[in-house]
Amino acid sequence: MKKLLFVCSQNKLRSPTGEAVFGDVPEYECRSAGLNHDAEVPLGVEDVEWADIIFVMEPVHKRKLKKRFRESLKTQRLVCLGIPDNYEYMDPALIQILKQKVPPFIY
């Protein structure tokens, strides 16, 4: 079973949408978290170490994650989806983008 971690800034819109979209797929375990200290669910070492693949939404997230969790990043794939903060939670356009961009990195 693949463990997918979706990360954005606040864990309010994009990353929880990713978790919701792929969380119902039996082959995946999903979590989401935010990089900001005041995020709904702040990203922790245990999340990073748990994941097989970490999906970040923007290049700045990738840089922050690499800097803050350098010690915990070992075998995880770190993928930047390039999704700007222009969407609401479960926005149909965001769901479509996630369904297009995420699967090629899982298989």
PDB file of N, CA and C in Angstrom:
ATOM      1  N   MET A   1       0.850  -1.183   0.000  1.00  0.00           N
ATOM      2  CA  MET A   1       0.000   0.000   0.000  1.00  0.00           C
ATOM      3  C   MET A   1       0.893   1.244   0.000  1.00  0.00           C
ATOM      4  N   LYS A   2       0.636   2.161  -0.918  1.00  0.00           N
ATOM      5  CA  LYS A   2       1.410   3.405  -1.015  1.00  0.00           C
ATOM      6  C   LYS A   2       0.898   4.415  -0.004  1.00  0.00           C
ATOM      7  N   LYS A   3       1.827   5.102   0.621  1.00  0.00           N
ATOM      8  CA  LYS A   3       1.495   6.136   1.596  1.00  0.00           C
ATOM      9  C   LYS A   3       1.771   7.493   0.966  1.00  0.00           C
ATOM     10  N   LEU A   4       0.684   8.246   0.737  1.00  0.00           N
ATOM     11  CA  LEU A   4       0.766   9.539   0.065  1.00  0.00           C
ATOM     12  C   LEU A   4       0.549  10.662   1.065  1.00  0.00           C
ATOM     13  N   LEU A   5       1.449  11.641   1.035  1.00  0.00           N
ATOM     14  CA  LEU A   5       1.348  12.806   1.901  1.00  0.00           C
ATOM     15  C   LEU A   5       1.217  14.044   1.024  1.00  0.00           C
ATOM     16  N   PHE A   6       0.154  14.819   1.243  1.00  0.00           N
ATOM     17  CA  PHE A   6      -0.092  16.051   0.498  1.00  0.00           C
ATOM     18  C   PHE A   6       0.219  17.234   1.416  1.00  0.00           C
ATOM     19  N   VAL A   7       1.042  18.170   0.908  1.00  0.00           N
ATOM     20  CA  VAL A   7       1.511  19.275   1.730  1.00  0.00           C
ATOM     21  C   VAL A   7       1.288  20.605   1.013  1.00  0.00           C
ATOM     22  N   CYS A   8       0.743  21.574   1.754  1.00  0.00           N
ATOM     23  CA  CYS A   8       0.652  22.952   1.266  1.00  0.00           C
ATOM     24  C   CYS A   8       1.041  23.861   2.438  1.00  0.00           C
ATOM     25  N   SER A   9       0.592  25.089   2.428  1.00  0.00           N
ATOM     26  CA  SER A   9       0.983  26.025   3.487  1.00  0.00           C
ATOM     27  C   SER A   9       0.143  25.865   4.743  1.00  0.00           C
ATOM     28  N   GLN A  10      -1.174  26.006   4.602  1.00  0.00           N
ATOM     29  CA  GLN A  10      -2.074  26.049   5.756  1.00  0.00           C
ATOM     30  C   GLN A  10      -2.836  24.755   6.018  1.00  0.00           C
ATOM     31  N   ASN A  11      -2.812  23.815   5.081  1.00  0.00           N
ATOM     32  CA  ASN A  11      -3.585  22.574   5.193  1.00  0.00           C
ATOM     33  C   ASN A  11      -5.075  22.865   5.327  1.00  0.00           C
ATOM     34  N   LYS A  12      -5.555  23.826   4.527  1.00  0.00           N
ATOM     35  CA  LYS A  12      -6.979  24.173   4.551  1.00  0.00           C
ATOM     36  C   LYS A  12      -7.665  23.883   3.222  1.00  0.00           C
ATOM     37  N   LEU A  13      -6.950  24.006   2.101  1.00  0.00           N
ATOM     38  CA  LEU A  13      -7.597  23.929   0.794  1.00  0.00           C
ATOM     39  C   LEU A  13      -6.993  22.846  -0.100  1.00  0.00           C
ATOM     40  N   ARG A  14      -5.780  23.058  -0.547  1.00  0.00           N
ATOM     41  CA  ARG A  14      -5.200  22.148  -1.542  1.00  0.00           C
ATOM     42  C   ARG A  14      -4.822  20.782  -0.985  1.00  0.00           C
ATOM     43  N   SER A  15      -4.017  20.737   0.062  1.00  0.00           N
ATOM     44  CA  SER A  15      -3.579  19.426   0.560  1.00  0.00           C
ATOM     45  C   SER A  15      -4.724  18.589   1.134  1.00  0.00           C
ATOM     46  N   PRO A  16      -5.693  19.173   1.855  1.00  0.00           N
ATOM     47  CA  PRO A  16      -6.807  18.337   2.305  1.00  0.00           C
ATOM     48  C   PRO A  16      -7.657  17.834   1.136  1.00  0.00           C
ATOM     49  N   THR A  17      -7.704  18.608   0.054  1.00  0.00           N
ATOM     50  CA  THR A  17      -8.425  18.134  -1.136  1.00  0.00           C
ATOM     51  C   THR A  17      -7.705  16.922  -1.712  1.00  0.00           C
ATOM     52  N   GLY A  18      -6.383  16.984  -1.796  1.00  0.00           N
ATOM     53  CA  GLY A  18      -5.624  15.831  -2.275  1.00  0.00           C
ATOM     54  C   GLY A  18      -5.856  14.602  -1.413  1.00  0.00           C
ATOM     55  N   GLU A  19      -5.848  14.806  -0.109  1.00  0.00           N
ATOM     56  CA  GLU A  19      -6.109  13.686   0.812  1.00  0.00           C
ATOM     57  C   GLU A  19      -7.501  13.121   0.593  1.00  0.00           C
ATOM     58  N   ALA A  20      -8.491  13.975   0.408  1.00  0.00           N
ATOM     59  CA  ALA A  20      -9.873  13.523   0.210  1.00  0.00           C
ATOM     60  C   ALA A  20     -10.037  12.786  -1.117  1.00  0.00           C
ATOM     61  N   VAL A  21      -9.426  13.300  -2.164  1.00  0.00           N
ATOM     62  CA  VAL A  21      -9.582  12.704  -3.491  1.00  0.00           C
ATOM     63  C   VAL A  21      -8.956  11.306  -3.547  1.00  0.00           C
ATOM     64  N   PHE A  22      -7.772  11.155  -2.982  1.00  0.00           N
ATOM     65  CA  PHE A  22      -7.070   9.873  -3.083  1.00  0.00           C
ATOM     66  C   PHE A  22      -7.241   8.988  -1.851  1.00  0.00           C
ATOM     67  N   GLY A  23      -7.842   9.515  -0.806  1.00  0.00           N
ATOM     68  CA  GLY A  23      -8.039   8.748   0.418  1.00  0.00           C
ATOM     69  C   GLY A  23      -9.030   7.617   0.301  1.00  0.00           C
ATOM     70  N   ASP A  24      -9.904   7.687  -0.699  1.00  0.00           N
ATOM     71  CA  ASP A  24     -10.901   6.630  -0.895  1.00  0.00           C
ATOM     72  C   ASP A  24     -10.387   5.496  -1.772  1.00  0.00           C
ATOM     73  N   VAL A  25      -9.189   5.625  -2.304  1.00  0.00           N
ATOM     74  CA  VAL A  25      -8.607   4.582  -3.157  1.00  0.00           C
ATOM     75  C   VAL A  25      -7.992   3.519  -2.257  1.00  0.00           C
ATOM     76  N   PRO A  26      -8.458   2.261  -2.368  1.00  0.00           N
ATOM     77  CA  PRO A  26      -7.996   1.216  -1.448  1.00  0.00           C
ATOM     78  C   PRO A  26      -6.487   0.983  -1.435  1.00  0.00           C
ATOM     79  N   GLU A  27      -5.794   1.270  -2.531  1.00  0.00           N
ATOM     80  CA  GLU A  27      -4.349   1.016  -2.606  1.00  0.00           C
ATOM     81  C   GLU A  27      -3.510   2.088  -1.907  1.00  0.00           C
ATOM     82  N   TYR A  28      -4.147   3.157  -1.444  1.00  0.00           N
ATOM     83  CA  TYR A  28      -3.404   4.268  -0.857  1.00  0.00           C
ATOM     84  C   TYR A  28      -3.827   4.541   0.573  1.00  0.00           C
ATOM     85  N   GLU A  29      -2.842   4.956   1.365  1.00  0.00           N
ATOM     86  CA  GLU A  29      -3.104   5.587   2.648  1.00  0.00           C
ATOM     87  C   GLU A  29      -2.719   7.039   2.441  1.00  0.00           C
ATOM     88  N   CYS A  30      -3.544   7.957   2.892  1.00  0.00           N
ATOM     89  CA  CYS A  30      -3.284   9.369   2.639  1.00  0.00           C
ATOM     90  C   CYS A  30      -3.331  10.193   3.912  1.00  0.00           C
ATOM     91  N   ARG A  31      -2.488  11.205   3.915  1.00  0.00           N
ATOM     92  CA  ARG A  31      -2.480  12.225   4.955  1.00  0.00           C
ATOM     93  C   ARG A  31      -2.263  13.568   4.274  1.00  0.00           C
ATOM     94  N   SER A  32      -2.568  14.625   5.009  1.00  0.00           N
ATOM     95  CA  SER A  32      -2.231  15.967   4.534  1.00  0.00           C
ATOM     96  C   SER A  32      -1.771  16.800   5.718  1.00  0.00           C
ATOM     97  N   ALA A  33      -0.963  17.804   5.409  1.00  0.00           N
ATOM     98  CA  ALA A  33      -0.439  18.687   6.452  1.00  0.00           C
ATOM     99  C   ALA A  33       0.004  19.989   5.814  1.00  0.00           C
ATOM    100  N   GLY A  34       0.261  20.973   6.672  1.00  0.00           N
ATOM    101  CA  GLY A  34       0.720  22.272   6.198  1.00  0.00           C
ATOM    102  C   GLY A  34       2.085  22.617   6.760  1.00  0.00           C
ATOM    103  N   LEU A  35       2.843  23.388   6.001  1.00  0.00           N
ATOM    104  CA  LEU A  35       4.186  23.776   6.419  1.00  0.00           C
ATOM    105  C   LEU A  35       4.210  24.958   7.380  1.00  0.00           C
ATOM    106  N   ASN A  36       3.171  25.770   7.372  1.00  0.00           N
ATOM    107  CA  ASN A  36       3.144  26.916   8.288  1.00  0.00           C
ATOM    108  C   ASN A  36       2.896  26.433   9.714  1.00  0.00           C
ATOM    109  N   HIS A  37       3.462  27.150  10.665  1.00  0.00           N
ATOM    110  CA  HIS A  37       3.317  26.752  12.073  1.00  0.00           C
ATOM    111  C   HIS A  37       1.873  26.835  12.546  1.00  0.00           C
ATOM    112  N   ASP A  38       1.067  27.704  11.919  1.00  0.00           N
ATOM    113  CA  ASP A  38      -0.342  27.832  12.301  1.00  0.00           C
ATOM    114  C   ASP A  38      -1.273  27.047  11.377  1.00  0.00           C
ATOM    115  N   ALA A  39      -0.741  26.068  10.665  1.00  0.00           N
ATOM    116  CA  ALA A  39      -1.555  25.234   9.764  1.00  0.00           C
ATOM    117  C   ALA A  39      -2.583  24.446  10.562  1.00  0.00           C
ATOM    118  N   GLU A  40      -3.663  24.074   9.890  1.00  0.00           N
ATOM    119  CA  GLU A  40      -4.705  23.241  10.525  1.00  0.00           C
ATOM    120  C   GLU A  40      -4.065  21.976  11.118  1.00  0.00           C
ATOM    121  N   VAL A  41      -3.250  21.291  10.314  1.00  0.00           N
ATOM    122  CA  VAL A  41      -2.469  20.145  10.768  1.00  0.00           C
ATOM    123  C   VAL A  41      -1.020  20.439  10.374  1.00  0.00           C
ATOM    124  N   PRO A  42      -0.199  20.876  11.320  1.00  0.00           N
ATOM    125  CA  PRO A  42       1.196  21.187  10.991  1.00  0.00           C
ATOM    126  C   PRO A  42       1.984  19.923  10.619  1.00  0.00           C
ATOM    127  N   LEU A  43       2.820  20.038   9.617  1.00  0.00           N
ATOM    128  CA  LEU A  43       3.646  18.924   9.172  1.00  0.00           C
ATOM    129  C   LEU A  43       4.674  18.577  10.241  1.00  0.00           C
ATOM    130  N   GLY A  44       4.782  17.288  10.547  1.00  0.00           N
ATOM    131  CA  GLY A  44       5.730  16.832  11.550  1.00  0.00           C
ATOM    132  C   GLY A  44       6.672  15.771  11.000  1.00  0.00           C
ATOM    133  N   VAL A  45       7.707  15.501  11.738  1.00  0.00           N
ATOM    134  CA  VAL A  45       8.698  14.492  11.353  1.00  0.00           C
ATOM    135  C   VAL A  45       8.029  13.149  11.104  1.00  0.00           C
ATOM    136  N   GLU A  46       7.085  12.789  11.961  1.00  0.00           N
ATOM    137  CA  GLU A  46       6.415  11.490  11.823  1.00  0.00           C
ATOM    138  C   GLU A  46       5.666  11.378  10.500  1.00  0.00           C
ATOM    139  N   ASP A  47       5.112  12.482  10.010  1.00  0.00           N
ATOM    140  CA  ASP A  47       4.417  12.471   8.720  1.00  0.00           C
ATOM    141  C   ASP A  47       5.412  12.231   7.583  1.00  0.00           C
ATOM    142  N   VAL A  48       6.521  12.947   7.627  1.00  0.00           N
ATOM    143  CA  VAL A  48       7.542  12.829   6.582  1.00  0.00           C
ATOM    144  C   VAL A  48       8.099  11.414   6.557  1.00  0.00           C
ATOM    145  N   GLU A  49       8.427  10.873   7.718  1.00  0.00           N
ATOM    146  CA  GLU A  49       8.991   9.526   7.789  1.00  0.00           C
ATOM    147  C   GLU A  49       7.984   8.452   7.406  1.00  0.00           C
ATOM    148  N   TRP A  50       6.703   8.709   7.615  1.00  0.00           N
ATOM    149  CA  TRP A  50       5.636   7.767   7.279  1.00  0.00           C
ATOM    150  C   TRP A  50       5.450   7.625   5.762  1.00  0.00           C
ATOM    151  N   ALA A  51       5.628   8.710   5.027  1.00  0.00           N
ATOM    152  CA  ALA A  51       5.252   8.785   3.613  1.00  0.00           C
ATOM    153  C   ALA A  51       6.195   8.026   2.683  1.00  0.00           C
ATOM    154  N   ASP A  52       5.602   7.488   1.607  1.00  0.00           N
ATOM    155  CA  ASP A  52       6.375   6.963   0.478  1.00  0.00           C
ATOM    156  C   ASP A  52       6.591   8.072  -0.553  1.00  0.00           C
ATOM    157  N   ILE A  53       5.524   8.837  -0.795  1.00  0.00           N
ATOM    158  CA  ILE A  53       5.580   9.937  -1.754  1.00  0.00           C
ATOM    159  C   ILE A  53       4.996  11.180  -1.085  1.00  0.00           C
ATOM    160  N   ILE A  54       5.726  12.282  -1.175  1.00  0.00           N
ATOM    161  CA  ILE A  54       5.263  13.552  -0.623  1.00  0.00           C
ATOM    162  C   ILE A  54       4.970  14.488  -1.794  1.00  0.00           C
ATOM    163  N   PHE A  55       3.723  14.921  -1.886  1.00  0.00           N
ATOM    164  CA  PHE A  55       3.307  15.855  -2.926  1.00  0.00           C
ATOM    165  C   PHE A  55       3.190  17.248  -2.326  1.00  0.00           C
ATOM    166  N   VAL A  56       4.004  18.176  -2.813  1.00  0.00           N
ATOM    167  CA  VAL A  56       3.889  19.572  -2.399  1.00  0.00           C
ATOM    168  C   VAL A  56       3.217  20.330  -3.542  1.00  0.00           C
ATOM    169  N   MET A  57       2.605  21.450  -3.200  1.00  0.00           N
ATOM    170  CA  MET A  57       1.842  22.181  -4.201  1.00  0.00           C
ATOM    171  C   MET A  57       2.671  23.189  -4.992  1.00  0.00           C
ATOM    172  N   GLU A  58       3.689  23.784  -4.354  1.00  0.00           N
ATOM    173  CA  GLU A  58       4.466  24.836  -5.003  1.00  0.00           C
ATOM    174  C   GLU A  58       5.963  24.629  -4.731  1.00  0.00           C
ATOM    175  N   PRO A  59       6.831  25.193  -5.587  1.00  0.00           N
ATOM    176  CA  PRO A  59       8.278  25.061  -5.361  1.00  0.00           C
ATOM    177  C   PRO A  59       8.726  25.560  -3.990  1.00  0.00           C
ATOM    178  N   VAL A  60       8.105  26.601  -3.465  1.00  0.00           N
ATOM    179  CA  VAL A  60       8.485  27.114  -2.141  1.00  0.00           C
ATOM    180  C   VAL A  60       8.238  26.059  -1.060  1.00  0.00           C
ATOM    181  N   HIS A  61       7.206  25.251  -1.225  1.00  0.00           N
ATOM    182  CA  HIS A  61       6.934  24.184  -0.259  1.00  0.00           C
ATOM    183  C   HIS A  61       8.049  23.141  -0.299  1.00  0.00           C
ATOM    184  N   LYS A  62       8.516  22.835  -1.494  1.00  0.00           N
ATOM    185  CA  LYS A  62       9.584  21.847  -1.643  1.00  0.00           C
ATOM    186  C   LYS A  62      10.860  22.344  -0.958  1.00  0.00           C
ATOM    187  N   ARG A  63      11.182  23.614  -1.153  1.00  0.00           N
ATOM    188  CA  ARG A  63      12.378  24.182  -0.527  1.00  0.00           C
ATOM    189  C   ARG A  63      12.264  24.165   0.999  1.00  0.00           C
ATOM    190  N   LYS A  64      11.113  24.598   1.508  1.00  0.00           N
ATOM    191  CA  LYS A  64      10.914  24.628   2.968  1.00  0.00           C
ATOM    192  C   LYS A  64      10.981  23.228   3.559  1.00  0.00           C
ATOM    193  N   LEU A  65      10.339  22.287   2.894  1.00  0.00           N
ATOM    194  CA  LEU A  65      10.306  20.918   3.399  1.00  0.00           C
ATOM    195  C   LEU A  65      11.722  20.327   3.422  1.00  0.00           C
ATOM    196  N   LYS A  66      12.471  20.521   2.352  1.00  0.00           N
ATOM    197  CA  LYS A  66      13.842  20.006   2.298  1.00  0.00           C
ATOM    198  C   LYS A  66      14.714  20.632   3.380  1.00  0.00           C
ATOM    199  N   LYS A  67      14.526  21.921   3.623  1.00  0.00           N
ATOM    200  CA  LYS A  67      15.327  22.608   4.630  1.00  0.00           C
ATOM    201  C   LYS A  67      14.955  22.158   6.044  1.00  0.00           C
ATOM    202  N   ARG A  68      13.659  22.115   6.329  1.00  0.00           N
ATOM    203  CA  ARG A  68      13.196  21.827   7.684  1.00  0.00           C
ATOM    204  C   ARG A  68      13.287  20.352   8.052  1.00  0.00           C
ATOM    205  N   PHE A  69      13.123  19.469   7.061  1.00  0.00           N
ATOM    206  CA  PHE A  69      13.055  18.030   7.355  1.00  0.00           C
ATOM    207  C   PHE A  69      14.179  17.237   6.676  1.00  0.00           C
ATOM    208  N   ARG A  70      15.287  17.894   6.420  1.00  0.00           N
ATOM    209  CA  ARG A  70      16.429  17.287   5.731  1.00  0.00           C
ATOM    210  C   ARG A  70      16.816  15.941   6.358  1.00  0.00           C
ATOM    211  N   GLU A  71      16.833  15.881   7.672  1.00  0.00           N
ATOM    212  CA  GLU A  71      17.243  14.657   8.382  1.00  0.00           C
ATOM    213  C   GLU A  71      16.257  13.502   8.180  1.00  0.00           C
ATOM    214  N   SER A  72      14.996  13.821   7.922  1.00  0.00           N
ATOM    215  CA  SER A  72      13.953  12.799   7.822  1.00  0.00           C
ATOM    216  C   SER A  72      13.692  12.337   6.398  1.00  0.00           C
ATOM    217  N   LEU A  73      14.194  13.079   5.424  1.00  0.00           N
ATOM    218  CA  LEU A  73      13.991  12.712   4.030  1.00  0.00           C
ATOM    219  C   LEU A  73      15.033  11.675   3.628  1.00  0.00           C
ATOM    220  N   LYS A  74      14.569  10.463   3.390  1.00  0.00           N
ATOM    221  CA  LYS A  74      15.480   9.376   3.048  1.00  0.00           C
ATOM    222  C   LYS A  74      15.076   8.744   1.719  1.00  0.00           C
ATOM    223  N   THR A  75      14.075   7.907   1.726  1.00  0.00           N
ATOM    224  CA  THR A  75      13.664   7.199   0.507  1.00  0.00           C
ATOM    225  C   THR A  75      12.387   7.772  -0.104  1.00  0.00           C
ATOM    226  N   GLN A  76      11.807   8.764   0.521  1.00  0.00           N
ATOM    227  CA  GLN A  76      10.562   9.335   0.019  1.00  0.00           C
ATOM    228  C   GLN A  76      10.797  10.059  -1.312  1.00  0.00           C
ATOM    229  N   ARG A  77       9.841   9.905  -2.202  1.00  0.00           N
ATOM    230  CA  ARG A  77       9.860  10.723  -3.418  1.00  0.00           C
ATOM    231  C   ARG A  77       9.214  12.051  -3.070  1.00  0.00           C
ATOM    232  N   LEU A  78       9.816  13.127  -3.497  1.00  0.00           N
ATOM    233  CA  LEU A  78       9.297  14.473  -3.233  1.00  0.00           C
ATOM    234  C   LEU A  78       8.907  15.081  -4.575  1.00  0.00           C
ATOM    235  N   VAL A  79       7.610  15.342  -4.739  1.00  0.00           N
ATOM    236  CA  VAL A  79       7.072  15.785  -6.026  1.00  0.00           C
ATOM    237  C   VAL A  79       6.379  17.132  -5.865  1.00  0.00           C
ATOM    238  N   CYS A  80       6.752  18.090  -6.711  1.00  0.00           N
ATOM    239  CA  CYS A  80       6.073  19.386  -6.738  1.00  0.00           C
ATOM    240  C   CYS A  80       5.027  19.352  -7.852  1.00  0.00           C
ATOM    241  N   LEU A  81       3.772  19.572  -7.485  1.00  0.00           N
ATOM    242  CA  LEU A  81       2.673  19.533  -8.449  1.00  0.00           C
ATOM    243  C   LEU A  81       2.466  20.852  -9.181  1.00  0.00           C
ATOM    244  N   GLY A  82       3.024  21.935  -8.692  1.00  0.00           N
ATOM    245  CA  GLY A  82       2.871  23.225  -9.353  1.00  0.00           C
ATOM    246  C   GLY A  82       1.442  23.738  -9.370  1.00  0.00           C
ATOM    247  N   ILE A  83       0.751  23.609  -8.236  1.00  0.00           N
ATOM    248  CA  ILE A  83      -0.641  24.057  -8.130  1.00  0.00           C
ATOM    249  C   ILE A  83      -0.676  25.311  -7.257  1.00  0.00           C
ATOM    250  N   PRO A  84      -1.018  26.465  -7.847  1.00  0.00           N
ATOM    251  CA  PRO A  84      -1.047  27.714  -7.071  1.00  0.00           C
ATOM    252  C   PRO A  84      -2.217  27.744  -6.085  1.00  0.00           C
ATOM    253  N   ASP A  85      -2.147  28.660  -5.169  1.00  0.00           N
ATOM    254  CA  ASP A  85      -3.175  28.797  -4.131  1.00  0.00           C
ATOM    255  C   ASP A  85      -4.368  29.601  -4.663  1.00  0.00           C
ATOM    256  N   ASN A  86      -5.018  29.049  -5.684  1.00  0.00           N
ATOM    257  CA  ASN A  86      -6.143  29.728  -6.340  1.00  0.00           C
ATOM    258  C   ASN A  86      -7.452  28.972  -6.197  1.00  0.00           C
ATOM    259  N   TYR A  87      -7.497  27.963  -5.361  1.00  0.00           N
ATOM    260  CA  TYR A  87      -8.651  27.067  -5.317  1.00  0.00           C
ATOM    261  C   TYR A  87      -9.217  26.943  -3.914  1.00  0.00           C
ATOM    262  N   GLU A  88     -10.506  26.675  -3.861  1.00  0.00           N
ATOM    263  CA  GLU A  88     -11.177  26.382  -2.601  1.00  0.00           C
ATOM    264  C   GLU A  88     -11.089  24.876  -2.334  1.00  0.00           C
ATOM    265  N   TYR A  89     -11.396  24.473  -1.118  1.00  0.00           N
ATOM    266  CA  TYR A  89     -11.430  23.062  -0.762  1.00  0.00           C
ATOM    267  C   TYR A  89     -12.433  22.331  -1.646  1.00  0.00           C
ATOM    268  N   MET A  90     -12.010  21.247  -2.245  1.00  0.00           N
ATOM    269  CA  MET A  90     -12.830  20.388  -3.119  1.00  0.00           C
ATOM    270  C   MET A  90     -13.356  21.122  -4.353  1.00  0.00           C
ATOM    271  N   ASP A  91     -12.677  22.157  -4.776  1.00  0.00           N
ATOM    272  CA  ASP A  91     -13.001  22.869  -6.015  1.00  0.00           C
ATOM    273  C   ASP A  91     -12.909  21.851  -7.159  1.00  0.00           C
ATOM    274  N   PRO A  92     -13.946  21.751  -7.999  1.00  0.00           N
ATOM    275  CA  PRO A  92     -13.911  20.773  -9.096  1.00  0.00           C
ATOM    276  C   PRO A  92     -12.683  20.923  -9.999  1.00  0.00           C
ATOM    277  N   ALA A  93     -12.246  22.143 -10.245  1.00  0.00           N
ATOM    278  CA  ALA A  93     -11.047  22.351 -11.074  1.00  0.00           C
ATOM    279  C   ALA A  93      -9.804  21.801 -10.376  1.00  0.00           C
ATOM    280  N   LEU A  94      -9.710  21.991  -9.066  1.00  0.00           N
ATOM    281  CA  LEU A  94      -8.583  21.471  -8.297  1.00  0.00           C
ATOM    282  C   LEU A  94      -8.601  19.944  -8.304  1.00  0.00           C
ATOM    283  N   ILE A  95      -9.753  19.363  -8.126  1.00  0.00           N
ATOM    284  CA  ILE A  95      -9.879  17.902  -8.150  1.00  0.00           C
ATOM    285  C   ILE A  95      -9.400  17.359  -9.494  1.00  0.00           C
ATOM    286  N   GLN A  96      -9.799  17.995 -10.568  1.00  0.00           N
ATOM    287  CA  GLN A  96      -9.400  17.565 -11.906  1.00  0.00           C
ATOM    288  C   GLN A  96      -7.883  17.650 -12.077  1.00  0.00           C
ATOM    289  N   ILE A  97      -7.289  18.741 -11.619  1.00  0.00           N
ATOM    290  CA  ILE A  97      -5.833  18.907 -11.714  1.00  0.00           C
ATOM    291  C   ILE A  97      -5.117  17.810 -10.921  1.00  0.00           C
ATOM    292  N   LEU A  98      -5.581  17.560  -9.710  1.00  0.00           N
ATOM    293  CA  LEU A  98      -4.963  16.519  -8.885  1.00  0.00           C
ATOM    294  C   LEU A  98      -5.080  15.148  -9.549  1.00  0.00           C
ATOM    295  N   LYS A  99      -6.235  14.850 -10.113  1.00  0.00           N
ATOM    296  CA  LYS A  99      -6.438  13.553 -10.773  1.00  0.00           C
ATOM    297  C   LYS A  99      -5.566  13.402 -12.015  1.00  0.00           C
ATOM    298  N   GLN A 100      -5.188  14.506 -12.625  1.00  0.00           N
ATOM    299  CA  GLN A 100      -4.297  14.461 -13.791  1.00  0.00           C
ATOM    300  C   GLN A 100      -2.837  14.364 -13.372  1.00  0.00           C
ATOM    301  N   LYS A 101      -2.440  15.127 -12.362  1.00  0.00           N
ATOM    302  CA  LYS A 101      -1.020  15.262 -12.029  1.00  0.00           C
ATOM    303  C   LYS A 101      -0.478  14.190 -11.088  1.00  0.00           C
ATOM    304  N   VAL A 102      -1.287  13.683 -10.176  1.00  0.00           N
ATOM    305  CA  VAL A 102      -0.777  12.773  -9.154  1.00  0.00           C
ATOM    306  C   VAL A 102      -0.523  11.342  -9.661  1.00  0.00           C
ATOM    307  N   PRO A 103      -1.457  10.699 -10.366  1.00  0.00           N
ATOM    308  CA  PRO A 103      -1.268   9.278 -10.715  1.00  0.00           C
ATOM    309  C   PRO A 103       0.031   8.920 -11.433  1.00  0.00           C
ATOM    310  N   PRO A 104       0.544   9.726 -12.360  1.00  0.00           N
ATOM    311  CA  PRO A 104       1.802   9.310 -13.006  1.00  0.00           C
ATOM    312  C   PRO A 104       2.969   9.118 -12.044  1.00  0.00           C
ATOM    313  N   PHE A 105       2.923   9.748 -10.892  1.00  0.00           N
ATOM    314  CA  PHE A 105       4.013   9.628  -9.923  1.00  0.00           C
ATOM    315  C   PHE A 105       3.841   8.436  -8.978  1.00  0.00           C
ATOM    316  N   ILE A 106       2.667   7.840  -8.989  1.00  0.00           N
ATOM    317  CA  ILE A 106       2.382   6.750  -8.054  1.00  0.00           C
ATOM    318  C   ILE A 106       2.765   5.399  -8.643  1.00  0.00           C
ATOM    319  N   TYR A 107       2.633   5.267  -9.938  1.00  0.00           N
ATOM    320  CA  TYR A 107       2.873   3.957 -10.565  1.00  0.00           C
ATOM    321  C   TYR A 107       4.286   3.790 -11.045  1.00  0.00           C
TER     322      TYR A 107
END
